[in-house]
Amino acid sequence: MFDPDELEEIRAGHEQWHEESVEPVIDRFGERKETFTTDTGGQEVDRLYTPADVGDLDYQDDLGNPGEPPYTRGVYSTGYRGRLWTMRQYAGFSTPEDTNERYHYLLDQGQTGLSMAFDLPTQMGYDSDDAMAAGEVGKAGVAIDSLSDMETVFDGIPLDEVSTSMTINAPASVLLAMYIAVGDEQGVDRAELRGTIQNDLLKEYIARNTYIYPPEPSMRIITDIFEFCAAETPKFNTISISGYHIREAGSTAAQELAFTLGNGIEYVEAAIDAGLDVDEFAPQLSFFFNGHNNIFEEVAKFRAARRMWHDIMEERFDAQNPKSKQLKFHTQTAGSMLTAQQIENNVVRVAYQALAAVLGGTQSLHTNGKDEALALPTEESVRTALRTQQILAHESGAADTVDPLAGSYYVESLTDEVEADAYDILEAVDERGGMLEAADQQWVQRQIQDTAFDRQKEIESGERIIVGVNEFEVDEDPEMDVQEVTEEDQRRQIDHLESVREERDDEAVEATLEALRETARGDENLMPAIIDAVKAYATVGEICTVLREEFGEYQPGTAI
């Protein structure tokens, strides 16, 4: 993009500037730090960036136009000028009735997509009256025991008019089956259902730990979902390959990118090994990234992710369909960056994190409530979080042009650096046999833990400033509303579960569960049998128990 002679002049001028202008100032005043790095210390930040830092950049090969390979500048040619990102607020708490009320509130406030949080018992495949669920019902999200609960959650919400993202992994097939069943009841053509299930078990083994089954049957369930949805629900994203929780566990931006795409490679390989054609299922893959504090590092990460996935799908898997090579992603602002101290500061943090996601071209965005370091967000705090997105969309100008930071010497250089670091990590993963093997060896976990440990040391030493935590502190004992889930809420959920069991046809339930057991023992697709069981009002716990008995449970410390 630049004339070689001009680049030499720029380099010479840079050296002269440093000697004549910079060194005297440093000698007199110094600088704030000896070394500046990006947010997680992944890349060193130079004092100044010039065309010499991007002298090898080829516009067509490295950037391309928006909507064209390698998709660095975005997967849509018009960016947000045609359609804004989907605005989601992560919601779901207590009972299905409470969650339905919150959904209607958010939609009335201008939210354009739903994002469903589930409580821990649901995430682990237990019913609300299970001994393992005691004290956790409805606390981290909504409790879903049966199709009846899903019907209540979406009462008055037409599924052909909204897109729903469900943060569910091990029991993802069951919750997807319930969503499909509600759509069937509403008379919605399955081909019109839109949304996403997280369905990412590899990151559960690595970073989050809400797993049920061992890897082999888990991969079977995932690929069965790929196959079923390619035929039945082509607009539904069958997996949200998640770097979010990897970053929350302490990784750098480059590690988040490398491990996420590494997991994506494993899923594509598993589906191909199961006999699926890459271009049949790959367009329905989606990704989920974290939005952290350093705007430029995050924008570089998102741009590098698109370019890398295009090259991976083209070079590793010979994908032919352009949609198979387009990385589309949801972003959630960083929960680990929220502080319990001076919680109003979190509004500012979330706004900058959201700005980074928008500048990086996210397709969907969740902004955290300011109080989420303490509890589930209140109605007021989710409204503020949603308004943050709306102000970004309609007042900031950030959505008016595609990839607005393209051409920045710093951003282009940083995009290349993040990509190069991520490829180095992926190479190390490949040397260990892929993500499953690398995780089995605890190598992936150690990389993340070491990074998290180093960051914590920086905070404790004061080298890294967290405003309101280790610097600019105040004495405070603020009064604030906190969203609470009561014992009465939990009792209501269990009472409803008991009434569902009393009113359903037990013989039909047993027949569908036995059919599911036989399917699990064979090699047919599991989804039709799960949908049949769901429609008979078999519970999440009953369905997962059948699969536990047939597939076993993953035990920490055993080989992946």
Protein backbone atom coordinates (compact mmCIF):
# COMPACT_ATOMS: atom_id res chain seq x y z
CA MET A 1 0.00 0.00 0.00
CA PHE A 2 3.03 2.29 0.37
CA ASP A 3 5.95 3.16 -1.86
CA PRO A 4 9.18 1.52 -0.54
CA ASP A 5 11.16 4.73 -0.88
CA GLU A 6 8.54 6.67 1.05
CA LEU A 7 8.63 4.04 3.80
CA GLU A 8 12.39 4.47 4.12
CA GLU A 9 11.92 8.22 4.45
CA ILE A 10 9.27 7.67 7.12
CA ARG A 11 11.58 5.32 9.07
CA ALA A 12 14.44 7.81 8.87
CA GLY A 13 12.15 10.62 9.93
CA HIS A 14 10.90 8.53 12.84
CA GLU A 15 14.44 7.95 14.08
CA GLN A 16 15.26 11.65 13.77
CA TRP A 17 12.04 12.58 15.63
CA HIS A 18 12.96 10.18 18.41
CA GLU A 19 16.47 11.56 18.80
CA GLU A 20 15.60 15.25 18.51
CA SER A 21 12.15 15.48 20.06
CA VAL A 22 11.42 12.44 22.21
CA GLU A 23 14.69 11.74 24.04
CA PRO A 24 15.09 15.28 25.42
CA VAL A 25 11.54 15.20 26.77
CA ILE A 26 12.05 11.78 28.35
CA ASP A 27 15.34 12.93 29.89
CA ARG A 28 13.56 15.90 31.43
CA PHE A 29 10.14 14.52 32.39
CA GLY A 30 10.27 10.74 31.93
CA GLU A 31 7.19 8.68 31.06
CA ARG A 32 4.48 7.15 33.22
CA LYS A 33 5.77 3.62 32.71
CA GLU A 34 8.85 1.99 31.28
CA THR A 35 6.75 -0.37 29.15
CA PHE A 36 3.18 0.00 27.92
CA THR A 37 1.18 -3.09 27.04
CA THR A 38 -2.33 -3.92 25.94
CA ASP A 39 -4.97 -4.68 28.57
CA THR A 40 -3.88 -8.24 29.29
CA GLY A 41 -0.20 -7.67 28.61
CA GLY A 42 -0.30 -9.59 25.36
CA GLN A 43 1.32 -6.99 23.13
CA GLU A 44 3.75 -4.18 23.83
CA VAL A 45 2.44 -0.80 22.70
CA ASP A 46 4.91 1.44 20.86
CA ARG A 47 5.09 5.17 21.43
CA LEU A 48 4.10 6.00 17.85
CA TYR A 49 2.78 4.10 14.84
CA THR A 50 3.49 5.09 11.24
CA PRO A 51 2.98 3.60 7.76
CA ALA A 52 6.25 1.74 8.36
CA ASP A 53 4.42 -0.46 10.90
CA VAL A 54 2.01 -1.65 8.22
CA GLY A 55 4.34 -1.46 5.25
CA ASP A 56 3.62 -5.05 4.21
CA LEU A 57 -0.14 -4.67 4.38
CA ASP A 58 -1.93 -5.74 1.20
CA TYR A 59 -5.40 -4.26 1.02
CA GLN A 60 -7.10 -7.03 -0.97
CA ASP A 61 -5.40 -9.97 0.74
CA ASP A 62 -5.28 -8.65 4.31
CA LEU A 63 -8.35 -6.43 4.51
CA GLY A 64 -10.69 -6.61 1.53
CA ASN A 65 -13.94 -4.72 1.34
CA PRO A 66 -16.68 -5.33 3.92
CA GLY A 67 -18.70 -8.39 3.01
CA GLU A 68 -15.83 -9.86 0.97
CA PRO A 69 -12.95 -12.24 1.85
CA PRO A 70 -11.07 -12.32 4.14
CA TYR A 71 -13.84 -10.45 6.02
CA THR A 72 -11.41 -8.48 8.21
CA ARG A 73 -13.64 -5.45 7.71
CA GLY A 74 -16.88 -7.30 8.43
CA VAL A 75 -19.15 -9.95 6.98
CA TYR A 76 -21.80 -7.51 5.72
CA SER A 77 -21.12 -4.99 2.98
CA THR A 78 -23.23 -2.24 4.58
CA GLY A 79 -22.30 -2.89 8.21
CA TYR A 80 -24.72 -1.23 10.61
CA ARG A 81 -25.99 1.18 7.94
CA GLY A 82 -28.35 -1.58 6.81
CA ARG A 83 -29.19 -3.14 10.14
CA LEU A 84 -27.99 -2.49 13.66
CA TRP A 85 -26.57 -5.26 15.82
CA THR A 86 -29.07 -7.29 17.84
CA MET A 87 -29.39 -5.71 21.26
CA ARG A 88 -29.70 -8.33 23.97
CA GLN A 89 -29.79 -8.15 27.73
CA TYR A 90 -28.94 -11.36 29.53
CA ALA A 91 -32.15 -12.09 31.43
CA GLY A 92 -33.69 -14.95 33.29
CA PHE A 93 -34.11 -15.29 37.02
CA SER A 94 -36.29 -16.95 39.60
CA THR A 95 -39.44 -18.43 38.05
CA PRO A 96 -40.61 -18.56 34.42
CA GLU A 97 -43.33 -16.01 35.30
CA ASP A 98 -40.72 -13.52 36.54
CA THR A 99 -38.60 -14.05 33.44
CA ASN A 100 -41.56 -13.59 31.11
CA GLU A 101 -42.32 -10.30 32.84
CA ARG A 102 -38.70 -9.14 32.43
CA TYR A 103 -38.71 -10.14 28.73
CA HIS A 104 -41.83 -8.12 28.03
CA TYR A 105 -40.29 -5.16 29.87
CA LEU A 106 -37.08 -5.34 27.83
CA LEU A 107 -38.93 -5.68 24.53
CA ASP A 108 -41.08 -2.69 25.47
CA GLN A 109 -37.88 -0.74 26.16
CA GLY A 110 -36.54 -1.41 22.66
CA GLN A 111 -34.50 -4.60 23.05
CA THR A 112 -34.31 -6.43 19.72
CA GLY A 113 -33.37 -9.93 20.84
CA LEU A 114 -33.78 -12.12 23.91
CA SER A 115 -30.92 -13.69 25.85
CA MET A 116 -31.85 -16.48 28.22
CA ALA A 117 -29.96 -17.27 31.42
CA PHE A 118 -30.62 -20.57 33.22
CA ASP A 119 -30.09 -21.45 36.85
CA LEU A 120 -27.34 -23.89 37.79
CA PRO A 121 -29.63 -26.92 38.28
CA THR A 122 -30.96 -26.51 34.73
CA GLN A 123 -27.43 -26.03 33.40
CA MET A 124 -26.40 -29.28 35.07
CA GLY A 125 -29.48 -31.25 34.01
CA TYR A 126 -31.25 -31.44 37.38
CA ASP A 127 -34.89 -30.70 38.19
CA SER A 128 -35.71 -28.07 40.79
CA ASP A 129 -36.72 -30.68 43.40
CA ASP A 130 -33.50 -32.66 43.04
CA ALA A 131 -31.28 -32.75 46.12
CA MET A 132 -28.46 -31.33 43.98
CA ALA A 133 -30.59 -28.24 43.25
CA ALA A 134 -31.13 -27.22 46.87
CA GLY A 135 -30.52 -23.51 47.40
CA GLU A 136 -29.77 -22.80 43.73
CA VAL A 137 -33.21 -22.79 42.11
CA GLY A 138 -33.70 -19.62 40.07
CA LYS A 139 -30.60 -17.90 41.42
CA ALA A 140 -28.20 -17.71 38.45
CA GLY A 141 -30.98 -17.66 35.90
CA VAL A 142 -34.46 -19.00 35.29
CA ALA A 143 -35.41 -22.50 36.44
CA ILE A 144 -36.68 -24.63 33.56
CA ASP A 145 -37.97 -28.07 34.47
CA SER A 146 -40.42 -28.92 31.69
CA LEU A 147 -42.02 -27.65 28.50
CA SER A 148 -44.62 -25.98 30.71
CA ASP A 149 -41.94 -23.61 32.01
CA MET A 150 -40.76 -22.76 28.52
CA GLU A 151 -44.35 -22.07 27.47
CA THR A 152 -44.65 -19.63 30.36
CA VAL A 153 -41.37 -17.86 29.58
CA PHE A 154 -42.50 -17.15 26.00
CA ASP A 155 -46.15 -16.47 26.74
CA GLY A 156 -47.20 -13.57 24.51
CA ILE A 157 -43.86 -13.54 22.66
CA PRO A 158 -44.18 -14.75 19.04
CA LEU A 159 -41.09 -16.80 18.19
CA ASP A 160 -41.24 -15.83 14.51
CA GLU A 161 -40.63 -12.19 15.52
CA VAL A 162 -37.74 -12.50 18.00
CA SER A 163 -34.30 -14.05 18.06
CA THR A 164 -33.44 -15.90 21.27
CA SER A 165 -29.98 -16.74 22.54
CA MET A 166 -29.80 -19.48 25.19
CA THR A 167 -26.72 -19.80 27.38
CA ILE A 168 -26.94 -23.55 27.85
CA ASN A 169 -24.37 -26.23 27.16
CA ALA A 170 -24.62 -29.82 28.44
CA PRO A 171 -28.48 -29.94 28.24
CA ALA A 172 -28.58 -27.69 25.14
CA SER A 173 -30.36 -30.34 23.09
CA VAL A 174 -33.20 -30.48 25.65
CA LEU A 175 -33.70 -26.70 25.87
CA LEU A 176 -33.53 -26.40 22.08
CA ALA A 177 -36.16 -29.13 21.83
CA MET A 178 -38.39 -27.16 24.21
CA TYR A 179 -37.94 -23.99 22.15
CA ILE A 180 -38.85 -25.87 18.97
CA ALA A 181 -41.88 -27.36 20.74
CA VAL A 182 -43.11 -23.89 21.80
CA GLY A 183 -42.66 -22.75 18.20
CA ASP A 184 -44.68 -25.74 16.99
CA GLU A 185 -47.45 -24.85 19.47
CA GLN A 186 -47.46 -21.26 18.20
CA GLY A 187 -47.71 -22.49 14.61
CA VAL A 188 -44.31 -21.07 13.67
CA ASP A 189 -42.57 -22.77 10.74
CA ARG A 190 -39.39 -24.32 12.16
CA ALA A 191 -37.47 -22.80 9.26
CA GLU A 192 -38.35 -19.36 10.66
CA LEU A 193 -37.02 -19.93 14.18
CA ARG A 194 -34.03 -17.70 14.89
CA GLY A 195 -31.58 -17.76 17.74
CA THR A 196 -28.55 -19.46 19.21
CA ILE A 197 -27.71 -22.15 21.71
CA GLN A 198 -24.29 -21.99 23.30
CA ASN A 199 -23.77 -25.77 23.14
CA ASP A 200 -19.98 -25.44 23.64
CA LEU A 201 -18.77 -28.29 25.82
CA LEU A 202 -15.06 -27.96 25.14
CA LYS A 203 -14.88 -24.60 26.90
CA GLU A 204 -16.78 -26.14 29.83
CA TYR A 205 -13.98 -28.67 30.34
CA ILE A 206 -11.43 -25.84 30.04
CA ALA A 207 -12.88 -22.85 31.85
CA ARG A 208 -16.40 -23.10 33.29
CA ASN A 209 -17.17 -26.67 34.46
CA THR A 210 -20.93 -26.98 33.82
CA TYR A 211 -20.51 -30.27 31.99
CA ILE A 212 -22.45 -33.53 32.32
CA TYR A 213 -21.30 -36.16 29.83
CA PRO A 214 -17.82 -37.24 28.74
CA PRO A 215 -16.41 -35.68 25.54
CA GLU A 216 -17.27 -38.45 23.06
CA PRO A 217 -21.05 -38.53 23.70
CA SER A 218 -21.02 -34.75 24.13
CA MET A 219 -19.57 -34.40 20.64
CA ARG A 220 -22.21 -36.81 19.34
CA ILE A 221 -24.99 -34.66 20.82
CA ILE A 222 -23.43 -31.54 19.32
CA THR A 223 -23.07 -33.01 15.84
CA ASP A 224 -26.60 -34.45 16.02
CA ILE A 225 -27.81 -30.90 16.67
CA PHE A 226 -25.77 -29.67 13.67
CA GLU A 227 -27.37 -32.27 11.42
CA PHE A 228 -30.93 -31.80 12.71
CA CYS A 229 -30.88 -28.00 12.57
CA ALA A 230 -29.33 -27.88 9.09
CA ALA A 231 -32.48 -29.66 7.88
CA GLU A 232 -35.14 -28.35 10.28
CA THR A 233 -34.11 -24.92 11.61
CA PRO A 234 -31.65 -23.45 9.10
CA LYS A 235 -31.82 -19.94 10.59
CA PHE A 236 -30.91 -21.14 14.08
CA ASN A 237 -27.25 -21.00 15.15
CA THR A 238 -26.42 -24.47 16.43
CA ILE A 239 -23.45 -23.50 18.57
CA SER A 240 -21.91 -20.38 20.05
CA ILE A 241 -18.25 -21.27 20.27
CA SER A 242 -17.35 -19.31 23.33
CA GLY A 243 -14.22 -17.40 24.14
CA TYR A 244 -16.13 -15.36 26.69
CA HIS A 245 -15.60 -17.73 29.60
CA ILE A 246 -12.00 -18.39 28.57
CA ARG A 247 -11.34 -14.66 28.90
CA GLU A 248 -13.31 -14.49 32.16
CA ALA A 249 -11.03 -17.20 33.53
CA GLY A 250 -8.05 -14.92 32.95
CA SER A 251 -6.72 -15.40 29.41
CA THR A 252 -5.15 -12.77 27.20
CA ALA A 253 -6.98 -11.55 24.10
CA ALA A 254 -4.72 -13.70 21.90
CA GLN A 255 -5.34 -16.78 24.05
CA GLU A 256 -9.09 -16.14 23.96
CA LEU A 257 -8.94 -15.96 20.18
CA ALA A 258 -6.67 -18.99 19.71
CA PHE A 259 -8.47 -21.32 22.12
CA THR A 260 -11.89 -20.32 20.78
CA LEU A 261 -10.96 -20.93 17.16
CA GLY A 262 -9.17 -24.11 18.26
CA ASN A 263 -12.43 -25.36 19.78
CA GLY A 264 -14.18 -24.39 16.55
CA ILE A 265 -11.72 -26.54 14.61
CA GLU A 266 -12.49 -29.50 16.87
CA TYR A 267 -16.24 -29.14 16.29
CA VAL A 268 -15.84 -28.90 12.52
CA GLU A 269 -13.60 -31.98 12.49
CA ALA A 270 -16.06 -33.92 14.66
CA ALA A 271 -18.96 -33.06 12.35
CA ILE A 272 -17.00 -34.05 9.25
CA ASP A 273 -15.98 -37.31 10.94
CA ALA A 274 -19.68 -37.91 11.64
CA GLY A 275 -20.32 -37.76 7.91
CA LEU A 276 -21.59 -34.19 7.55
CA ASP A 277 -20.58 -31.94 4.68
CA VAL A 278 -18.81 -28.83 5.93
CA ASP A 279 -20.92 -26.48 3.83
CA GLU A 280 -24.14 -27.97 5.22
CA PHE A 281 -23.51 -27.07 8.86
CA ALA A 282 -20.72 -24.47 8.97
CA PRO A 283 -22.96 -21.50 8.03
CA GLN A 284 -24.88 -22.10 11.29
CA LEU A 285 -21.80 -21.90 13.51
CA SER A 286 -21.47 -18.74 15.58
CA PHE A 287 -18.99 -17.39 18.10
CA PHE A 288 -19.16 -15.59 21.44
CA PHE A 289 -16.42 -13.21 22.54
CA ASN A 290 -15.66 -11.09 25.57
CA GLY A 291 -15.61 -7.30 25.36
CA HIS A 292 -12.79 -6.05 27.60
CA ASN A 293 -11.55 -2.59 28.56
CA ASN A 294 -8.81 -1.88 26.01
CA ILE A 295 -10.74 -0.59 23.03
CA PHE A 296 -7.97 -0.98 20.48
CA GLU A 297 -6.94 -4.48 21.55
CA GLU A 298 -10.53 -5.66 21.42
CA VAL A 299 -11.17 -4.16 17.97
CA ALA A 300 -7.96 -5.82 16.73
CA LYS A 301 -9.08 -9.14 18.22
CA PHE A 302 -12.45 -9.06 16.49
CA ARG A 303 -10.94 -8.11 13.13
CA ALA A 304 -8.25 -10.79 13.42
CA ALA A 305 -10.87 -13.39 14.36
CA ARG A 306 -12.79 -12.87 11.12
CA ARG A 307 -9.67 -13.06 8.99
CA MET A 308 -8.37 -16.16 10.77
CA TRP A 309 -11.66 -18.07 10.55
CA HIS A 310 -11.91 -17.34 6.84
CA ASP A 311 -8.41 -18.72 6.27
CA ILE A 312 -8.94 -21.72 8.56
CA MET A 313 -12.18 -22.77 6.86
CA GLU A 314 -10.69 -22.28 3.41
CA GLU A 315 -7.28 -23.85 3.98
CA ARG A 316 -8.01 -26.58 6.55
CA PHE A 317 -11.49 -27.63 5.48
CA ASP A 318 -11.78 -26.55 1.84
CA ALA A 319 -15.12 -24.88 2.52
CA GLN A 320 -16.74 -23.59 -0.66
CA ASN A 321 -19.81 -21.76 0.62
CA PRO A 322 -18.82 -18.15 1.48
CA LYS A 323 -21.11 -18.29 4.55
CA SER A 324 -19.05 -21.20 5.88
CA LYS A 325 -16.07 -18.84 6.06
CA GLN A 326 -17.83 -15.89 7.68
CA LEU A 327 -17.26 -15.59 11.42
CA LYS A 328 -20.34 -14.08 13.05
CA PHE A 329 -20.23 -13.37 16.74
CA HIS A 330 -22.04 -12.17 19.84
CA THR A 331 -20.22 -10.02 22.38
CA GLN A 332 -20.87 -9.64 26.08
CA THR A 333 -19.11 -6.98 28.11
CA ALA A 334 -16.65 -8.32 30.66
CA GLY A 335 -18.20 -9.53 33.90
CA SER A 336 -14.75 -9.98 35.43
CA MET A 337 -14.06 -6.27 34.94
CA LEU A 338 -17.05 -5.19 37.04
CA THR A 339 -16.25 -4.02 40.55
CA ALA A 340 -18.29 -4.11 43.73
CA GLN A 341 -16.60 -0.86 44.77
CA GLN A 342 -18.05 2.36 43.32
CA ILE A 343 -20.44 0.43 41.13
CA GLU A 344 -21.42 3.54 39.15
CA ASN A 345 -17.98 3.26 37.52
CA ASN A 346 -19.22 0.04 35.90
CA VAL A 347 -21.57 2.07 33.70
CA VAL A 348 -18.52 3.76 32.19
CA ARG A 349 -16.60 0.50 31.82
CA VAL A 350 -19.51 -1.19 30.07
CA ALA A 351 -19.95 1.76 27.69
CA TYR A 352 -16.34 1.59 26.53
CA GLN A 353 -16.45 -2.20 26.22
CA ALA A 354 -19.62 -1.93 24.16
CA LEU A 355 -18.00 0.72 21.97
CA ALA A 356 -15.12 -1.66 21.26
CA ALA A 357 -17.56 -4.39 20.23
CA VAL A 358 -19.41 -2.04 17.89
CA LEU A 359 -16.22 -0.67 16.36
CA GLY A 360 -15.14 -4.30 15.90
CA GLY A 361 -18.34 -5.21 14.05
CA THR A 362 -20.22 -7.52 16.42
CA GLN A 363 -23.54 -8.97 15.20
CA SER A 364 -25.08 -9.10 18.67
CA LEU A 365 -24.30 -7.39 21.95
CA HIS A 366 -25.10 -7.78 25.64
CA THR A 367 -24.17 -4.98 28.02
CA ASN A 368 -23.80 -5.90 31.69
CA GLY A 369 -25.78 -4.20 34.42
CA LYS A 370 -23.72 -2.07 36.79
CA ASP A 371 -24.74 -4.21 39.79
CA GLU A 372 -23.82 -7.63 38.39
CA ALA A 373 -20.73 -7.85 40.59
CA LEU A 374 -23.20 -8.11 43.48
CA ALA A 375 -26.32 -9.86 42.19
CA LEU A 376 -28.63 -10.37 39.25
CA PRO A 377 -29.34 -6.97 37.67
CA THR A 378 -32.35 -4.94 38.69
CA GLU A 379 -34.86 -3.54 36.22
CA GLU A 380 -33.27 -0.12 36.51
CA SER A 381 -29.74 -1.35 35.83
CA VAL A 382 -30.74 -3.43 32.79
CA ARG A 383 -32.53 -0.40 31.39
CA THR A 384 -29.36 1.67 31.78
CA ALA A 385 -27.35 -1.10 30.12
CA LEU A 386 -29.79 -1.25 27.22
CA ARG A 387 -29.81 2.55 26.91
CA THR A 388 -26.00 2.36 26.60
CA GLN A 389 -26.42 0.33 23.41
CA GLN A 390 -29.14 2.58 22.09
CA ILE A 391 -27.04 5.71 22.63
CA LEU A 392 -24.15 4.01 20.84
CA ALA A 393 -26.44 3.13 17.95
CA HIS A 394 -28.27 6.41 17.55
CA GLU A 395 -26.12 9.16 19.03
CA SER A 396 -22.42 8.26 18.90
CA GLY A 397 -21.86 7.96 15.13
CA ALA A 398 -20.03 4.66 15.67
CA ALA A 399 -22.59 2.80 13.55
CA ASP A 400 -22.53 5.18 10.60
CA THR A 401 -19.60 3.73 8.66
CA VAL A 402 -18.20 0.21 8.28
CA ASP A 403 -15.01 -0.67 10.19
CA PRO A 404 -14.24 2.95 11.16
CA LEU A 405 -10.79 2.23 12.64
CA ALA A 406 -9.47 0.54 9.47
CA GLY A 407 -6.33 2.19 8.20
CA SER A 408 -5.19 3.25 11.65
CA TYR A 409 -1.49 2.41 11.77
CA TYR A 410 -1.91 1.26 15.35
CA VAL A 411 -5.07 -0.81 14.82
CA GLU A 412 -3.79 -2.50 11.67
CA SER A 413 -0.45 -3.27 13.32
CA LEU A 414 -2.17 -4.55 16.46
CA THR A 415 -4.56 -6.69 14.39
CA ASP A 416 -1.54 -8.35 12.79
CA GLU A 417 0.15 -8.83 16.17
CA VAL A 418 -2.90 -10.38 17.84
CA GLU A 419 -3.38 -12.67 14.85
CA ALA A 420 0.28 -13.73 14.83
CA ASP A 421 0.23 -14.47 18.57
CA ALA A 422 -3.01 -16.44 18.20
CA TYR A 423 -1.54 -18.51 15.37
CA ASP A 424 1.53 -19.25 17.50
CA ILE A 425 -0.76 -20.54 20.26
CA LEU A 426 -2.79 -22.58 17.76
CA GLU A 427 0.43 -24.12 16.47
CA ALA A 428 1.29 -25.17 20.02
CA VAL A 429 -2.21 -26.65 20.34
CA ASP A 430 -1.77 -28.60 17.08
CA GLU A 431 1.58 -29.92 18.32
CA ARG A 432 -0.31 -31.39 21.27
CA GLY A 433 -2.90 -33.06 19.07
CA GLY A 434 -5.65 -30.42 19.10
CA MET A 435 -7.75 -28.77 21.79
CA LEU A 436 -9.11 -31.97 23.30
CA GLU A 437 -5.64 -33.39 23.81
CA ALA A 438 -4.18 -30.06 24.95
CA ALA A 439 -6.96 -29.69 27.52
CA ASP A 440 -6.54 -33.32 28.60
CA GLN A 441 -2.88 -32.54 29.31
CA GLN A 442 -4.06 -29.47 31.33
CA TRP A 443 -1.85 -27.36 29.05
CA VAL A 444 -4.64 -24.99 28.05
CA GLN A 445 -5.77 -24.54 31.64
CA ARG A 446 -2.21 -23.76 32.78
CA GLN A 447 -1.77 -21.07 30.14
CA ILE A 448 -4.92 -19.33 31.33
CA GLN A 449 -4.11 -19.76 35.02
CA ASP A 450 -0.60 -18.34 34.60
CA THR A 451 -1.97 -15.27 32.85
CA ALA A 452 -4.63 -14.74 35.52
CA PHE A 453 -2.02 -15.11 38.28
CA ASP A 454 0.28 -12.54 36.68
CA ARG A 455 -2.60 -10.07 36.30
CA GLN A 456 -3.63 -10.47 39.93
CA LYS A 457 -0.06 -9.81 41.06
CA GLU A 458 -0.05 -6.61 39.01
CA ILE A 459 -3.25 -5.47 40.70
CA GLU A 460 -2.02 -6.26 44.20
CA SER A 461 1.29 -4.49 43.60
CA GLY A 462 -0.45 -1.44 42.16
CA GLU A 463 1.28 -1.84 38.81
CA ARG A 464 -2.15 -2.24 37.24
CA ILE A 465 -4.67 0.35 38.38
CA ILE A 466 -8.31 -0.62 38.85
CA VAL A 467 -10.18 2.60 39.51
CA GLY A 468 -11.96 2.49 42.85
CA VAL A 469 -10.29 -0.76 43.89
CA ASN A 470 -6.57 -0.17 44.34
CA GLU A 471 -6.51 3.54 43.46
CA PHE A 472 -8.95 6.47 43.81
CA GLU A 473 -10.72 4.65 46.63
CA VAL A 474 -13.44 6.18 48.79
CA ASP A 475 -15.13 5.18 52.02
CA GLU A 476 -18.62 4.13 51.08
CA ASP A 477 -21.51 2.09 52.32
CA PRO A 478 -23.99 2.63 49.48
CA GLU A 479 -27.63 1.75 49.73
CA MET A 480 -28.96 0.08 46.62
CA ASP A 481 -31.65 -2.26 45.42
CA VAL A 482 -30.46 -5.81 44.77
CA GLN A 483 -32.44 -8.39 42.83
CA GLU A 484 -33.18 -11.31 45.14
CA VAL A 485 -34.62 -14.78 44.67
CA THR A 486 -36.53 -15.86 47.76
CA GLU A 487 -37.27 -19.26 49.26
CA GLU A 488 -40.91 -18.63 48.35
CA ASP A 489 -39.90 -18.24 44.68
CA GLN A 490 -38.09 -21.57 44.83
CA ARG A 491 -41.06 -23.23 46.52
CA ARG A 492 -43.42 -21.98 43.82
CA GLN A 493 -41.19 -23.50 41.14
CA ILE A 494 -41.08 -26.88 42.87
CA ASP A 495 -44.85 -26.84 43.43
CA HIS A 496 -45.41 -26.20 39.73
CA LEU A 497 -43.10 -29.06 38.81
CA GLU A 498 -45.09 -31.40 41.04
CA SER A 499 -48.36 -30.31 39.39
CA VAL A 500 -46.92 -30.95 35.93
CA ARG A 501 -45.99 -34.48 36.95
CA GLU A 502 -49.49 -35.07 38.35
CA GLU A 503 -51.29 -33.84 35.23
CA ARG A 504 -49.20 -35.40 32.43
CA ASP A 505 -49.65 -38.82 30.84
CA ASP A 506 -47.09 -40.97 32.67
CA GLU A 507 -47.30 -43.80 30.13
CA ALA A 508 -46.50 -41.40 27.31
CA VAL A 509 -43.57 -40.02 29.28
CA GLU A 510 -42.18 -43.49 29.94
CA ALA A 511 -42.60 -44.48 26.29
CA THR A 512 -40.73 -41.45 25.02
CA LEU A 513 -37.93 -41.84 27.57
CA GLU A 514 -37.52 -45.50 26.60
CA ALA A 515 -37.40 -44.50 22.93
CA LEU A 516 -34.72 -41.95 23.79
CA ARG A 517 -32.74 -44.64 25.62
CA GLU A 518 -32.84 -46.91 22.57
CA THR A 519 -31.79 -44.06 20.32
CA ALA A 520 -28.87 -43.25 22.62
CA ARG A 521 -27.74 -46.88 22.39
CA GLY A 522 -27.76 -46.72 18.60
CA ASP A 523 -26.47 -44.17 16.14
CA GLU A 524 -29.63 -42.37 15.02
CA ASN A 525 -30.00 -38.64 15.55
CA LEU A 526 -31.05 -37.89 19.14
CA MET A 527 -33.03 -34.72 18.49
CA PRO A 528 -36.36 -36.23 17.29
CA ALA A 529 -36.50 -38.50 20.35
CA ILE A 530 -35.70 -35.60 22.69
CA ILE A 531 -38.43 -33.45 21.10
CA ASP A 532 -40.94 -36.28 21.55
CA ALA A 533 -39.99 -36.59 25.23
CA VAL A 534 -40.24 -32.84 25.75
CA LYS A 535 -43.68 -32.70 24.17
CA ALA A 536 -44.84 -35.45 26.56
CA TYR A 537 -43.69 -33.14 29.40
CA ALA A 538 -40.74 -35.26 30.43
CA THR A 539 -38.53 -33.03 32.56
CA VAL A 540 -35.00 -31.81 31.98
CA GLY A 541 -33.82 -34.01 34.82
CA GLU A 542 -35.59 -37.13 33.52
CA ILE A 543 -34.20 -36.72 30.00
CA CYS A 544 -30.68 -35.99 31.25
CA THR A 545 -30.87 -38.97 33.63
CA VAL A 546 -31.52 -41.30 30.70
CA LEU A 547 -28.52 -39.87 28.87
CA ARG A 548 -26.40 -39.99 32.03
CA GLU A 549 -27.21 -43.67 32.42
CA GLU A 550 -26.32 -44.41 28.80
CA PHE A 551 -23.37 -42.06 28.30
CA GLY A 552 -21.92 -41.75 31.80
CA GLU A 553 -20.74 -38.58 33.53
CA TYR A 554 -17.45 -36.78 33.05
CA GLN A 555 -15.34 -36.82 36.19
CA PRO A 556 -12.79 -34.02 36.73
CA GLY A 557 -9.26 -35.30 36.62
CA THR A 558 -10.04 -38.16 34.26
CA ALA A 559 -8.77 -38.15 30.71
CA ILE A 560 -10.68 -36.01 28.24
